[in-house]
């Protein structure tokens, strides 16, 4: 589960980086993505507990990452 979810989040990060014309590390670091995989946040408050996530990044990217994590978990349970 973890490796596949990590790759899923890396893909999302790449798409967001391309959309905003930013390098991928400006969205989230690899360490932040690994922490998301470990913590599996479900709410914005839980997302803020992820390493490297602050108020600004949570406001900008949190919804997309929370949706991706939830969708992956639902697909994994099916």
C-alpha atoms as a PDB file:
ATOM      1  CA  UNK A   1       0.000   0.000   0.000  1.00  0.00           C
ATOM      2  CA  UNK A   2       2.621   2.524   1.039  1.00  0.00           C
ATOM      3  CA  UNK A   3       4.786   2.440  -2.090  1.00  0.00           C
ATOM      4  CA  UNK A   4       1.777   2.682  -4.388  1.00  0.00           C
ATOM      5  CA  UNK A   5       0.217   5.521  -2.393  1.00  0.00           C
ATOM      6  CA  UNK A   6       3.560   7.362  -2.338  1.00  0.00           C
ATOM      7  CA  UNK A   7       3.736   7.138  -6.142  1.00  0.00           C
ATOM      8  CA  UNK A   8       0.134   8.335  -6.344  1.00  0.00           C
ATOM      9  CA  UNK A   9       1.005  11.410  -4.253  1.00  0.00           C
ATOM     10  CA  UNK A  10       4.177  12.023  -6.297  1.00  0.00           C
ATOM     11  CA  UNK A  11       2.057  12.081  -9.450  1.00  0.00           C
ATOM     12  CA  UNK A  12      -0.379  14.547  -7.900  1.00  0.00           C
ATOM     13  CA  UNK A  13       2.530  16.731  -6.777  1.00  0.00           C
ATOM     14  CA  UNK A  14       3.969  16.711 -10.310  1.00  0.00           C
ATOM     15  CA  UNK A  15       0.615  17.703 -11.805  1.00  0.00           C
ATOM     16  CA  UNK A  16       0.212  20.574  -9.333  1.00  0.00           C
ATOM     17  CA  UNK A  17       3.794  21.714  -9.892  1.00  0.00           C
ATOM     18  CA  UNK A  18       3.236  21.799 -13.657  1.00  0.00           C
ATOM     19  CA  UNK A  19      -0.051  23.663 -13.230  1.00  0.00           C
ATOM     20  CA  UNK A  20       1.485  26.321 -10.969  1.00  0.00           C
ATOM     21  CA  UNK A  21       4.826  26.419 -12.881  1.00  0.00           C
ATOM     22  CA  UNK A  22       6.782  25.473  -9.764  1.00  0.00           C
ATOM     23  CA  UNK A  23       9.474  22.896  -9.060  1.00  0.00           C
ATOM     24  CA  UNK A  24       7.959  19.842  -7.340  1.00  0.00           C
ATOM     25  CA  UNK A  25       9.823  20.452  -4.066  1.00  0.00           C
ATOM     26  CA  UNK A  26       7.994  23.780  -3.710  1.00  0.00           C
ATOM     27  CA  UNK A  27       4.701  21.870  -3.453  1.00  0.00           C
ATOM     28  CA  UNK A  28       5.888  19.270  -0.909  1.00  0.00           C
ATOM     29  CA  UNK A  29       9.167  17.496  -0.256  1.00  0.00           C
ATOM     30  CA  UNK A  30       9.556  13.743  -0.601  1.00  0.00           C
ATOM     31  CA  UNK A  31       9.712  13.587   3.204  1.00  0.00           C
ATOM     32  CA  UNK A  32       6.320  15.320   3.431  1.00  0.00           C
ATOM     33  CA  UNK A  33       4.817  12.834   0.983  1.00  0.00           C
ATOM     34  CA  UNK A  34       6.230   9.911   2.985  1.00  0.00           C
ATOM     35  CA  UNK A  35       4.767  11.412   6.168  1.00  0.00           C
ATOM     36  CA  UNK A  36       1.358  11.746   4.452  1.00  0.00           C
ATOM     37  CA  UNK A  37       1.514   8.062   3.549  1.00  0.00           C
ATOM     38  CA  UNK A  38       2.358   7.167   7.153  1.00  0.00           C
ATOM     39  CA  UNK A  39      -0.211   9.434   8.836  1.00  0.00           C
ATOM     40  CA  UNK A  40      -3.036   9.097   6.272  1.00  0.00           C
ATOM     41  CA  UNK A  41      -4.661  12.428   7.245  1.00  0.00           C
ATOM     42  CA  UNK A  42      -8.412  12.691   6.794  1.00  0.00           C
ATOM     43  CA  UNK A  43      -9.053  16.264   7.939  1.00  0.00           C
ATOM     44  CA  UNK A  44      -7.336  19.604   7.471  1.00  0.00           C
ATOM     45  CA  UNK A  45      -6.267  19.532  11.129  1.00  0.00           C
ATOM     46  CA  UNK A  46      -4.669  16.119  10.625  1.00  0.00           C
ATOM     47  CA  UNK A  47      -3.081  17.365   7.390  1.00  0.00           C
ATOM     48  CA  UNK A  48      -1.469  20.224   9.320  1.00  0.00           C
ATOM     49  CA  UNK A  49       0.284  17.609  11.497  1.00  0.00           C
ATOM     50  CA  UNK A  50       2.193  16.287   8.464  1.00  0.00           C
ATOM     51  CA  UNK A  51       5.854  17.284   8.363  1.00  0.00           C
ATOM     52  CA  UNK A  52       6.385  20.259   6.051  1.00  0.00           C
ATOM     53  CA  UNK A  53       2.717  21.280   5.942  1.00  0.00           C
ATOM     54  CA  UNK A  54       1.861  24.752   7.186  1.00  0.00           C
ATOM     55  CA  UNK A  55      -1.231  26.912   6.944  1.00  0.00           C
ATOM     56  CA  UNK A  56      -0.413  28.258   3.475  1.00  0.00           C
ATOM     57  CA  UNK A  57       0.377  24.896   1.881  1.00  0.00           C
ATOM     58  CA  UNK A  58      -2.623  23.326   3.601  1.00  0.00           C
ATOM     59  CA  UNK A  59      -4.859  26.064   2.194  1.00  0.00           C
ATOM     60  CA  UNK A  60      -3.350  25.774  -1.312  1.00  0.00           C
ATOM     61  CA  UNK A  61      -2.915  22.042  -1.720  1.00  0.00           C
ATOM     62  CA  UNK A  62      -4.606  20.332   1.218  1.00  0.00           C
ATOM     63  CA  UNK A  63      -7.926  19.647  -0.452  1.00  0.00           C
ATOM     64  CA  UNK A  64      -6.295  17.957  -3.446  1.00  0.00           C
ATOM     65  CA  UNK A  65      -4.033  15.780  -1.307  1.00  0.00           C
ATOM     66  CA  UNK A  66      -6.763  14.874   1.181  1.00  0.00           C
ATOM     67  CA  UNK A  67      -9.032  13.845  -1.705  1.00  0.00           C
ATOM     68  CA  UNK A  68      -6.251  11.760  -3.245  1.00  0.00           C
ATOM     69  CA  UNK A  69      -5.524  10.004   0.046  1.00  0.00           C
ATOM     70  CA  UNK A  70      -9.231   9.319   0.677  1.00  0.00           C
ATOM     71  CA  UNK A  71      -9.813   8.083  -2.875  1.00  0.00           C
ATOM     72  CA  UNK A  72      -6.816   5.769  -2.664  1.00  0.00           C
ATOM     73  CA  UNK A  73      -7.987   4.338   0.654  1.00  0.00           C
ATOM     74  CA  UNK A  74     -11.504   3.752  -0.735  1.00  0.00           C
ATOM     75  CA  UNK A  75     -10.114   2.008  -3.805  1.00  0.00           C
ATOM     76  CA  UNK A  76      -7.783  -0.062  -1.621  1.00  0.00           C
ATOM     77  CA  UNK A  77     -10.686  -1.216   0.564  1.00  0.00           C
ATOM     78  CA  UNK A  78     -12.845  -2.189  -2.423  1.00  0.00           C
END
